[in-house]
Amino acid sequence: MQLFYELKGFKTEEAKLLASRLSEQPEQMLKTLAHEELGLSESTFPNPWRAAISASISTALGAFIPVLPFFFLSGIPALATSFVISTLAHFVVGASKVIVTGRSWWKSGLEMTAVGLGEATITYVIGVLIGGKVG
């Protein structure tokens, strides 16, 4: 804590005194450390209910995308369409992360697509392994 105060321009003795006083109140010191080191404060945390509802809706919509073609098609055409739509959706989500990250939309989109294809491969292999043991 002393170093944070020194970096903010306090003299060594002042910084030492402030850090010493804070250490007498562990809860306050933890809040101050979280704010100084991580930029966190109670006012910056989102509403937990809003975050939970938002995450639930996002997950439900994301999980619905690969199922959508099966309402209109069946067999291999449905599977192929599902694969294409899911891959494109992963790219779009990855590319839209640029709004938050500021990275290249192309790299971000490809990264998310690669993760999605990796997930699909792992899920497929697990399904084959489980399906082979059941049947």
Protein backbone atom coordinates (compact mmCIF):
# COMPACT_ATOMS: atom_id res chain seq x y z
CA MET A 1 0.00 0.00 0.00
CA GLN A 2 2.84 2.33 0.84
CA LEU A 3 4.23 2.01 -2.66
CA PHE A 4 0.85 2.92 -4.21
CA TYR A 5 0.76 6.10 -2.16
CA GLU A 6 4.36 6.94 -3.03
CA LEU A 7 3.55 6.49 -6.71
CA LYS A 8 0.66 8.91 -6.26
CA GLY A 9 3.12 11.55 -5.02
CA PHE A 10 3.04 11.18 -1.25
CA LYS A 11 6.34 11.46 0.61
CA THR A 12 7.71 8.17 1.99
CA GLU A 13 6.78 8.99 5.60
CA GLU A 14 3.25 10.08 4.65
CA ALA A 15 2.74 6.97 2.54
CA LYS A 16 4.02 4.79 5.38
CA LEU A 17 1.62 6.47 7.83
CA LEU A 18 -1.37 6.05 5.49
CA ALA A 19 -0.56 2.39 4.88
CA SER A 20 -0.11 1.81 8.60
CA ARG A 21 -3.48 3.41 9.41
CA LEU A 22 -5.20 1.36 6.73
CA SER A 23 -3.69 -1.87 8.04
CA GLU A 24 -5.54 -1.26 11.32
CA GLN A 25 -8.82 -1.70 9.39
CA PRO A 26 -8.40 -4.86 7.27
CA GLU A 27 -11.72 -4.53 5.45
CA GLN A 28 -11.00 -0.95 4.41
CA MET A 29 -7.47 -1.93 3.38
CA LEU A 30 -8.83 -4.72 1.17
CA LYS A 31 -11.26 -2.32 -0.51
CA THR A 32 -8.48 0.19 -1.07
CA LEU A 33 -6.12 -2.46 -2.47
CA ALA A 34 -8.80 -3.76 -4.83
CA HIS A 35 -9.45 -0.22 -6.02
CA GLU A 36 -5.78 0.74 -6.42
CA GLU A 37 -4.49 -2.50 -7.89
CA LEU A 38 -7.44 -3.69 -9.97
CA GLY A 39 -9.51 -0.55 -10.41
CA LEU A 40 -12.45 -2.22 -8.66
CA SER A 41 -15.00 -0.54 -6.43
CA GLU A 42 -18.49 -1.39 -5.28
CA SER A 43 -19.98 1.16 -7.66
CA THR A 44 -18.35 -0.50 -10.72
CA PHE A 45 -19.85 -3.94 -10.13
CA PRO A 46 -22.92 -4.75 -12.24
CA ASN A 47 -26.25 -5.65 -10.73
CA PRO A 48 -26.02 -9.44 -10.09
CA TRP A 49 -29.65 -10.06 -11.12
CA ARG A 50 -29.22 -8.16 -14.37
CA ALA A 51 -25.98 -10.05 -15.08
CA ALA A 52 -27.62 -13.42 -14.34
CA ILE A 53 -30.65 -12.71 -16.53
CA SER A 54 -28.49 -11.35 -19.34
CA ALA A 55 -26.18 -14.39 -19.21
CA SER A 56 -29.15 -16.77 -19.18
CA ILE A 57 -30.82 -15.15 -22.18
CA SER A 58 -27.53 -14.96 -24.10
CA THR A 59 -26.80 -18.62 -23.41
CA ALA A 60 -30.31 -19.69 -24.44
CA LEU A 61 -30.12 -17.73 -27.70
CA GLY A 62 -26.63 -19.04 -28.42
CA ALA A 63 -27.71 -22.62 -27.77
CA PHE A 64 -30.74 -22.18 -30.03
CA ILE A 65 -28.69 -21.21 -33.11
CA PRO A 66 -27.38 -24.71 -33.96
CA VAL A 67 -30.83 -26.25 -33.37
CA LEU A 68 -32.67 -23.84 -35.68
CA PRO A 69 -32.02 -25.70 -38.99
CA PHE A 70 -33.54 -28.88 -37.56
CA PHE A 71 -36.96 -27.19 -37.49
CA PHE A 72 -36.90 -26.91 -41.28
CA LEU A 73 -34.57 -29.69 -42.46
CA SER A 74 -33.53 -33.19 -41.43
CA GLY A 75 -30.55 -35.49 -41.77
CA ILE A 76 -27.30 -34.38 -43.38
CA PRO A 77 -28.70 -31.11 -44.84
CA ALA A 78 -29.82 -30.03 -41.36
CA LEU A 79 -26.45 -31.01 -39.88
CA ALA A 80 -24.50 -29.16 -42.59
CA THR A 81 -26.69 -26.06 -42.28
CA SER A 82 -26.33 -26.14 -38.51
CA PHE A 83 -22.55 -26.35 -38.87
CA VAL A 84 -22.39 -23.39 -41.27
CA ILE A 85 -24.77 -21.21 -39.22
CA SER A 86 -22.94 -22.01 -35.97
CA THR A 87 -19.55 -21.29 -37.49
CA LEU A 88 -20.75 -17.96 -38.89
CA ALA A 89 -22.36 -17.07 -35.56
CA HIS A 90 -19.08 -17.74 -33.75
CA PHE A 91 -17.26 -15.50 -36.22
CA VAL A 92 -19.82 -12.68 -35.82
CA VAL A 93 -19.67 -12.85 -32.02
CA GLY A 94 -15.86 -12.89 -32.10
CA ALA A 95 -15.71 -9.99 -34.54
CA SER A 96 -18.15 -7.97 -32.45
CA LYS A 97 -15.89 -8.33 -29.41
CA VAL A 98 -13.84 -5.58 -31.05
CA ILE A 99 -16.26 -3.08 -29.54
CA VAL A 100 -14.89 -3.99 -26.10
CA THR A 101 -11.34 -5.17 -26.82
CA GLY A 102 -10.26 -2.83 -29.62
CA ARG A 103 -8.44 -5.70 -31.35
CA SER A 104 -8.60 -6.58 -35.03
CA TRP A 105 -12.13 -7.75 -35.91
CA TRP A 106 -10.74 -10.34 -38.32
CA LYS A 107 -8.37 -11.90 -35.74
CA SER A 108 -11.00 -11.80 -33.04
CA GLY A 109 -13.58 -13.41 -35.31
CA LEU A 110 -11.18 -16.17 -36.38
CA GLU A 111 -10.18 -16.77 -32.77
CA MET A 112 -13.79 -17.26 -31.68
CA THR A 113 -14.45 -19.45 -34.72
CA ALA A 114 -11.48 -21.66 -33.85
CA VAL A 115 -12.72 -22.00 -30.27
CA GLY A 116 -16.21 -22.91 -31.53
CA LEU A 117 -14.85 -25.51 -33.94
CA GLY A 118 -12.71 -26.93 -31.14
CA GLU A 119 -15.77 -27.19 -28.90
CA ALA A 120 -17.74 -28.86 -31.68
CA THR A 121 -14.98 -31.40 -32.28
CA ILE A 122 -14.68 -32.27 -28.59
CA THR A 123 -18.46 -32.56 -28.22
CA TYR A 124 -18.67 -34.77 -31.31
CA VAL A 125 -15.91 -37.09 -30.07
CA ILE A 126 -17.56 -37.39 -26.65
CA GLY A 127 -20.89 -38.16 -28.34
CA VAL A 128 -19.31 -40.86 -30.50
CA LEU A 129 -17.59 -42.39 -27.47
CA ILE A 130 -20.77 -42.38 -25.38
CA GLY A 131 -22.94 -43.50 -28.31
CA GLY A 132 -20.56 -46.36 -29.06
CA LYS A 133 -20.79 -47.68 -25.50
CA VAL A 134 -24.56 -47.37 -25.20
CA GLY A 135 -25.54 -48.92 -28.53
